[in-house]
Amino acid sequence: MIQSGPAHDEHAASSVAKAGAIFRAFSTAGGSASLTQIAVLTGTPKSTTHRLLAELIECGVIERDGRAYQLSVATLDLAAVARGGRLRDLQVAVKPFMAEVYARTRETVHLAILDHSEVLYLDRIPSAGSMSRLPTSYGARLPAHCTAIGKAMLAELGAANLRGLAHQPLPRLTKFSAATPKSLLDDLELTVDRGYAVSDQEAALGLTCLGIPIRNMGGDVVAAISISAPSNRFRERTFSTILGQLKSDMTSAVGWGSAVAPAT
């Protein structure tokens, strides 16, 4: 028998709210999380969290890989459809350039867009035999100001669109992450001057990255591409030259894609 009435409606609304909190927990955790992590992030008892996760897995919106849970490919594809297919279009357009950068450097290459104050990773070509120090698989998120790929986009937003970052605490991933809005703004100003961003162990110790923005035909920034390498293998001049040589061709490939979201 189908239940109805105020009590049932209240229970359904509560379950939906808890499911929403689980989705937000994946964003905070960087794309995947354990049962304990999700329970802590959502403030929900582990037994309730486990039941909700089981139901979401049955619905096909979440997947389990060992002890870790993550959004299913179907859910991520649905998000791409909701954005008008822009994410898939970007992946397809930029993938050949990522492959070329990897072939010339043999280091990890990332593609991401800016979603307010976070970067949303769309693609990655990892260096052979390397262990990733960061959760940067498709759909993962990190604070934009801690990454070269994020700072490359933040630097192009202008002061007006960066006011949100200036009035909120900056989460730090390492002791080298920007600690104050002023230090971040100074770094972004340097990024504009030299044409590329650098994250020197700001996202993970021992990892240094270099990123540049990708513009559409109208000159708007639609994404960014970066090279990540162990700090002892980082070659700033070489990496910046390689990415710089591909700028105009990436713009032609992207066409008239939509601009990134301001960091409000």
Protein backbone atom coordinates (compact mmCIF):
# COMPACT_ATOMS: atom_id res chain seq x y z
CA MET A 1 0.00 0.00 0.00
CA ILE A 2 1.28 3.46 -0.91
CA GLN A 3 1.69 5.57 2.18
CA SER A 4 0.51 9.14 2.26
CA GLY A 5 -0.14 11.89 4.71
CA PRO A 6 1.91 14.46 6.62
CA ALA A 7 4.10 11.91 8.43
CA HIS A 8 5.08 10.17 5.18
CA ASP A 9 5.69 13.47 3.41
CA GLU A 10 7.92 14.66 6.25
CA HIS A 11 9.94 11.40 6.14
CA ALA A 12 10.37 11.67 2.36
CA ALA A 13 11.50 15.27 2.61
CA SER A 14 13.98 14.32 5.33
CA SER A 15 15.42 11.50 3.19
CA VAL A 16 15.82 13.82 0.20
CA ALA A 17 17.61 16.38 2.37
CA LYS A 18 19.98 13.72 3.70
CA ALA A 19 20.66 12.45 0.17
CA GLY A 20 21.46 16.01 -0.87
CA ALA A 21 23.89 16.29 2.03
CA ILE A 22 25.61 13.12 0.81
CA PHE A 23 26.09 14.60 -2.67
CA ARG A 24 27.60 17.73 -1.12
CA ALA A 25 29.88 15.54 1.00
CA PHE A 26 31.43 14.07 -2.15
CA SER A 27 32.27 17.58 -3.30
CA THR A 28 33.91 18.43 0.02
CA ALA A 29 35.84 15.14 0.11
CA GLY A 30 37.21 15.59 -3.41
CA GLY A 31 35.04 13.11 -5.33
CA SER A 32 35.07 9.96 -3.18
CA ALA A 33 34.75 9.17 0.52
CA SER A 34 34.38 6.33 3.00
CA LEU A 35 31.24 5.61 4.99
CA THR A 36 32.77 7.18 8.10
CA GLN A 37 33.82 10.32 6.22
CA ILE A 38 30.36 10.76 4.72
CA ALA A 39 28.68 10.27 8.10
CA VAL A 40 30.94 12.90 9.68
CA LEU A 41 30.51 15.40 6.83
CA THR A 42 26.72 15.04 6.81
CA GLY A 43 26.24 14.79 10.57
CA THR A 44 24.21 11.61 10.07
CA PRO A 45 24.52 8.36 12.07
CA LYS A 46 26.57 5.71 10.26
CA SER A 47 23.65 3.29 10.18
CA THR A 48 21.42 5.87 8.48
CA THR A 49 24.21 6.88 6.13
CA HIS A 50 24.82 3.25 5.18
CA ARG A 51 21.13 2.73 4.42
CA LEU A 52 20.91 5.86 2.28
CA LEU A 53 24.08 4.94 0.37
CA ALA A 54 22.69 1.47 -0.32
CA GLU A 55 19.50 3.00 -1.70
CA LEU A 56 21.45 5.46 -3.86
CA ILE A 57 23.62 2.62 -5.20
CA GLU A 58 20.47 0.68 -6.06
CA CYS A 59 19.21 3.73 -7.95
CA GLY A 60 22.47 3.89 -9.90
CA VAL A 61 23.51 7.38 -8.81
CA ILE A 62 26.38 6.28 -6.53
CA GLU A 63 29.03 3.57 -6.95
CA ARG A 64 31.13 1.68 -4.42
CA ASP A 65 34.78 0.84 -4.99
CA GLY A 66 36.05 -1.19 -2.04
CA ARG A 67 35.47 0.98 1.02
CA ALA A 68 35.10 4.18 -0.98
CA TYR A 69 31.88 5.62 -2.38
CA GLN A 70 31.69 7.99 -5.33
CA LEU A 71 29.21 9.47 -7.76
CA SER A 72 28.41 7.11 -10.63
CA VAL A 73 29.40 7.87 -14.21
CA ALA A 74 25.69 8.13 -15.01
CA THR A 75 25.29 10.90 -12.43
CA LEU A 76 28.30 12.79 -13.77
CA ASP A 77 26.99 12.40 -17.31
CA LEU A 78 23.64 13.76 -16.15
CA ALA A 79 25.43 16.79 -14.73
CA ALA A 80 27.11 17.27 -18.09
CA VAL A 81 23.73 17.11 -19.84
CA ALA A 82 22.37 19.67 -17.38
CA ARG A 83 25.16 22.01 -18.45
CA GLY A 84 24.13 21.63 -22.07
CA GLY A 85 26.86 19.12 -22.88
CA ARG A 86 29.52 21.79 -22.36
CA LEU A 87 31.72 19.58 -20.22
CA ARG A 88 31.78 16.76 -22.74
CA ASP A 89 32.44 19.24 -25.54
CA LEU A 90 35.40 20.64 -23.62
CA GLN A 91 36.80 17.19 -22.97
CA VAL A 92 36.61 16.23 -26.62
CA ALA A 93 38.05 19.54 -27.82
CA VAL A 94 41.00 19.62 -25.42
CA LYS A 95 41.88 15.92 -25.21
CA PRO A 96 44.25 15.96 -28.23
CA PHE A 97 46.19 18.86 -26.69
CA MET A 98 46.40 17.07 -23.35
CA ALA A 99 47.81 14.05 -25.17
CA GLU A 100 50.39 16.23 -26.91
CA VAL A 101 51.45 17.87 -23.63
CA TYR A 102 51.81 14.46 -22.01
CA ALA A 103 53.85 13.15 -24.94
CA ARG A 104 56.24 16.10 -24.65
CA THR A 105 56.60 16.10 -20.85
CA ARG A 106 55.64 12.63 -19.59
CA GLU A 107 54.06 14.38 -16.61
CA THR A 108 50.45 14.44 -15.40
CA VAL A 109 48.12 16.70 -17.38
CA HIS A 110 44.79 18.04 -16.08
CA LEU A 111 41.73 19.75 -17.53
CA ALA A 112 39.33 21.61 -15.21
CA ILE A 113 36.75 24.35 -15.06
CA LEU A 114 36.09 26.89 -12.32
CA ASP A 115 32.90 26.42 -10.30
CA HIS A 116 32.78 29.46 -8.02
CA SER A 117 35.69 29.02 -5.56
CA GLU A 118 36.48 25.42 -6.55
CA VAL A 119 37.97 23.68 -9.54
CA LEU A 120 35.98 20.83 -11.06
CA TYR A 121 38.24 18.32 -12.77
CA LEU A 122 37.07 17.05 -16.16
CA ASP A 123 39.98 14.95 -17.36
CA ARG A 124 43.44 13.70 -16.43
CA ILE A 125 46.32 11.92 -18.12
CA PRO A 126 48.52 10.61 -15.28
CA SER A 127 52.26 10.18 -15.65
CA ALA A 128 53.31 6.56 -16.06
CA GLY A 129 53.97 4.76 -12.80
CA SER A 130 53.13 7.76 -10.63
CA MET A 131 50.94 7.72 -7.56
CA SER A 132 48.55 10.64 -7.59
CA ARG A 133 48.92 12.86 -4.54
CA LEU A 134 45.55 14.48 -5.17
CA PRO A 135 41.96 13.31 -5.83
CA THR A 136 41.77 14.76 -9.35
CA SER A 137 39.71 12.18 -11.22
CA TYR A 138 36.66 13.19 -13.26
CA GLY A 139 34.22 15.08 -11.02
CA ALA A 140 36.66 15.76 -8.18
CA ARG A 141 36.91 19.23 -6.65
CA LEU A 142 39.64 21.20 -4.88
CA PRO A 143 39.90 24.79 -3.61
CA ALA A 144 40.80 26.82 -6.69
CA HIS A 145 43.32 29.04 -4.90
CA CYS A 146 45.45 26.02 -3.92
CA THR A 147 45.95 24.81 -7.48
CA ALA A 148 47.74 26.20 -10.54
CA ILE A 149 44.84 25.20 -12.74
CA GLY A 150 42.45 27.12 -10.47
CA LYS A 151 44.63 30.21 -10.09
CA ALA A 152 45.02 30.39 -13.87
CA MET A 153 41.25 30.96 -14.06
CA LEU A 154 40.85 33.05 -10.91
CA ALA A 155 43.44 35.51 -12.20
CA GLU A 156 41.26 36.27 -15.20
CA LEU A 157 38.10 37.11 -13.25
CA GLY A 158 39.09 40.59 -12.14
CA ALA A 159 38.85 42.23 -8.71
CA ALA A 160 35.06 42.64 -8.76
CA ASN A 161 34.45 38.90 -9.16
CA LEU A 162 37.04 38.01 -6.51
CA ARG A 163 35.34 39.89 -3.67
CA GLY A 164 33.80 36.68 -2.40
CA LEU A 165 37.24 35.17 -1.77
CA ALA A 166 38.39 38.34 -0.02
CA HIS A 167 35.69 38.02 2.64
CA GLN A 168 35.91 34.35 3.56
CA PRO A 169 38.50 32.06 5.16
CA LEU A 170 40.83 30.39 2.67
CA PRO A 171 41.06 26.63 3.28
CA ARG A 172 44.68 25.45 3.22
CA LEU A 173 45.73 22.06 1.89
CA THR A 174 49.38 22.47 2.93
CA LYS A 175 51.50 24.96 4.85
CA PHE A 176 52.35 26.56 1.49
CA SER A 177 48.73 27.34 0.53
CA ALA A 178 47.75 31.02 0.46
CA ALA A 179 46.78 32.03 3.99
CA THR A 180 45.31 35.49 3.38
CA PRO A 181 43.31 37.18 0.61
CA LYS A 182 46.20 39.63 0.10
CA SER A 183 48.76 36.88 -0.52
CA LEU A 184 46.36 35.25 -2.97
CA LEU A 185 45.64 38.50 -4.83
CA ASP A 186 49.38 39.20 -5.08
CA ASP A 187 49.89 35.74 -6.56
CA LEU A 188 47.04 36.26 -9.04
CA GLU A 189 48.53 39.58 -10.12
CA LEU A 190 51.83 37.81 -10.82
CA THR A 191 49.92 35.14 -12.73
CA VAL A 192 48.41 37.75 -15.04
CA ASP A 193 51.81 39.38 -15.62
CA ARG A 194 53.63 36.20 -16.65
CA GLY A 195 50.68 34.48 -18.37
CA TYR A 196 50.58 31.30 -16.30
CA ALA A 197 49.97 30.16 -12.72
CA VAL A 198 52.22 28.09 -10.49
CA SER A 199 51.27 26.06 -7.43
CA ASP A 200 54.43 25.17 -5.54
CA GLN A 201 53.42 22.48 -3.04
CA GLU A 202 50.24 24.43 -2.27
CA ALA A 203 47.91 21.52 -3.02
CA ALA A 204 50.17 18.65 -1.99
CA LEU A 205 53.66 18.47 -0.54
CA GLY A 206 56.27 17.54 -3.11
CA LEU A 207 54.03 18.44 -6.05
CA THR A 208 54.46 21.53 -8.22
CA CYS A 209 52.08 22.49 -11.03
CA LEU A 210 51.82 25.04 -13.84
CA GLY A 211 48.56 26.03 -15.51
CA ILE A 212 47.19 28.37 -18.17
CA PRO A 213 43.64 29.45 -18.99
CA ILE A 214 41.84 28.21 -22.10
CA ARG A 215 39.84 30.91 -23.89
CA ASN A 216 36.98 30.67 -26.33
CA MET A 217 36.76 32.54 -29.62
CA GLY A 218 35.28 35.53 -27.79
CA GLY A 219 38.25 35.80 -25.43
CA ASP A 220 36.40 34.45 -22.37
CA VAL A 221 38.08 31.87 -20.13
CA VAL A 222 36.20 28.57 -20.35
CA ALA A 223 38.63 26.16 -18.66
CA ALA A 224 42.29 25.63 -17.83
CA ILE A 225 44.97 23.05 -18.49
CA SER A 226 47.89 22.21 -16.22
CA ILE A 227 51.02 20.10 -15.91
CA SER A 228 51.76 18.51 -12.52
CA ALA A 229 55.12 17.03 -11.59
CA PRO A 230 57.14 16.07 -8.53
CA SER A 231 58.84 19.26 -7.38
CA ASN A 232 62.30 17.88 -8.20
CA ARG A 233 61.22 17.35 -11.83
CA PHE A 234 59.38 20.64 -12.28
CA ARG A 235 60.63 22.65 -15.28
CA GLU A 236 58.91 26.03 -15.25
CA ARG A 237 60.35 27.44 -18.48
CA THR A 238 59.78 24.23 -20.45
CA PHE A 239 56.25 23.66 -19.18
CA SER A 240 55.14 27.27 -19.72
CA THR A 241 56.58 27.24 -23.26
CA ILE A 242 54.82 24.01 -24.20
CA LEU A 243 51.43 25.19 -22.93
CA GLY A 244 51.90 28.66 -24.42
CA GLN A 245 52.50 27.18 -27.86
CA LEU A 246 49.10 25.49 -27.77
CA LYS A 247 46.99 28.46 -26.61
CA SER A 248 45.64 29.64 -29.95
CA ASP A 249 44.98 26.13 -31.24
CA MET A 250 43.02 25.25 -28.09
CA THR A 251 40.94 28.41 -28.55
CA SER A 252 40.09 27.39 -32.10
CA ALA A 253 39.14 23.88 -30.94
CA VAL A 254 36.92 25.15 -28.09
CA GLY A 255 35.06 27.60 -30.33
CA TRP A 256 32.43 29.69 -28.56
CA GLY A 257 32.10 27.72 -25.30
CA SER A 258 30.64 29.33 -22.19
CA ALA A 259 32.73 31.29 -19.68
CA VAL A 260 33.62 30.07 -16.18
CA ALA A 261 31.64 30.87 -13.05
CA PRO A 262 32.74 33.90 -10.94
CA ALA A 263 34.24 33.11 -7.52
CA THR A 264 31.35 34.47 -5.49
